[in-house]
Protein backbone atom coordinates (compact mmCIF):
# COMPACT_ATOMS: atom_id res chain seq x y z
CA UNK A 1 -24.86 30.51 126.96
CA UNK A 2 -24.11 34.14 126.49
CA UNK A 3 -23.95 35.43 122.95
CA UNK A 4 -21.09 37.81 122.45
CA UNK A 5 -21.80 41.17 120.88
CA UNK A 6 -18.91 43.27 119.70
CA UNK A 7 -20.86 46.38 119.41
CA UNK A 8 -22.36 46.30 122.79
CA UNK A 9 -21.19 49.00 125.08
CA UNK A 10 -23.85 48.72 128.02
CA UNK A 11 -22.10 45.96 129.77
CA UNK A 12 -22.06 46.33 133.51
CA UNK A 13 -18.31 45.31 133.72
CA UNK A 14 -17.38 48.36 131.70
CA UNK A 15 -15.17 50.84 133.59
CA UNK A 16 -16.88 53.80 131.98
CA UNK A 17 -20.04 55.02 133.72
CA UNK A 18 -23.26 54.55 131.82
CA UNK A 19 -24.08 58.24 131.71
CA UNK A 20 -21.20 58.75 129.10
CA UNK A 21 -22.52 57.95 125.61
CA UNK A 22 -19.50 57.22 123.63
CA UNK A 23 -20.06 55.42 120.35
CA UNK A 24 -17.91 52.36 119.63
CA UNK A 25 -16.59 53.87 116.52
CA UNK A 26 -16.01 57.46 117.46
CA UNK A 27 -12.21 56.84 117.13
CA UNK A 28 -11.04 58.03 120.54
CA UNK A 29 -8.30 56.30 122.41
CA UNK A 30 -10.50 55.76 125.45
CA UNK A 31 -13.17 54.16 123.27
CA UNK A 32 -10.57 51.86 121.77
CA UNK A 33 -9.15 50.76 125.20
CA UNK A 34 -12.62 50.15 126.49
CA UNK A 35 -13.43 47.84 123.41
CA UNK A 36 -9.97 46.09 123.86
CA UNK A 37 -10.61 45.57 127.45
CA UNK A 38 -13.95 44.09 126.80
CA UNK A 39 -12.76 41.90 124.12
CA UNK A 40 -9.85 40.62 126.42
CA UNK A 41 -12.48 39.94 129.30
CA UNK A 42 -14.61 37.95 126.88
CA UNK A 43 -11.68 36.16 125.41
CA UNK A 44 -10.39 35.07 128.95
CA UNK A 45 -14.00 34.13 129.83
CA UNK A 46 -14.27 31.89 126.73
CA UNK A 47 -10.85 30.24 127.40
CA UNK A 48 -11.88 29.38 130.90
CA UNK A 49 -15.23 27.98 129.84
CA UNK A 50 -13.46 25.77 127.16
CA UNK A 51 -11.01 24.45 129.56
CA UNK A 52 -13.69 23.62 132.23
CA UNK A 53 -15.93 21.94 129.44
CA UNK A 54 -13.00 20.01 127.85
CA UNK A 55 -10.29 19.34 130.65
CA UNK A 56 -8.62 16.50 128.57
CA UNK A 57 -8.21 18.64 125.53
CA UNK A 58 -7.03 21.52 127.75
CA UNK A 59 -4.41 19.21 129.48
CA UNK A 60 -3.18 17.86 126.11
CA UNK A 61 -2.90 21.52 124.87
CA UNK A 62 -0.76 22.38 127.87
CA UNK A 63 1.48 19.45 127.30
CA UNK A 64 1.89 20.35 123.70
CA UNK A 65 2.69 23.84 124.54
CA UNK A 66 5.28 22.77 127.29
CA UNK A 67 6.86 20.45 124.66
CA UNK A 68 7.14 23.54 122.26
CA UNK A 69 8.78 25.67 124.96
CA UNK A 70 11.14 22.93 125.86
CA UNK A 71 12.22 22.39 122.26
CA UNK A 72 12.33 26.09 121.24
CA UNK A 73 15.85 27.34 120.14
CA UNK A 74 16.89 30.91 120.62
């Protein structure tokens, strides 16, 4: 299992080339967007893994979500 590290910026999936050394806390908008994109990729990967490992629980969650959407009132 891959351990997630929020401070890691050397991931091969990063859109920024490795020759640019931007610290994750330098405050620039590009760095913030890069960290957010990395977080969203890892979140999506974790959700897919959970659904693959626990299909019954994932199905039950989809059913509950569908019920919430059907009973939601504007």
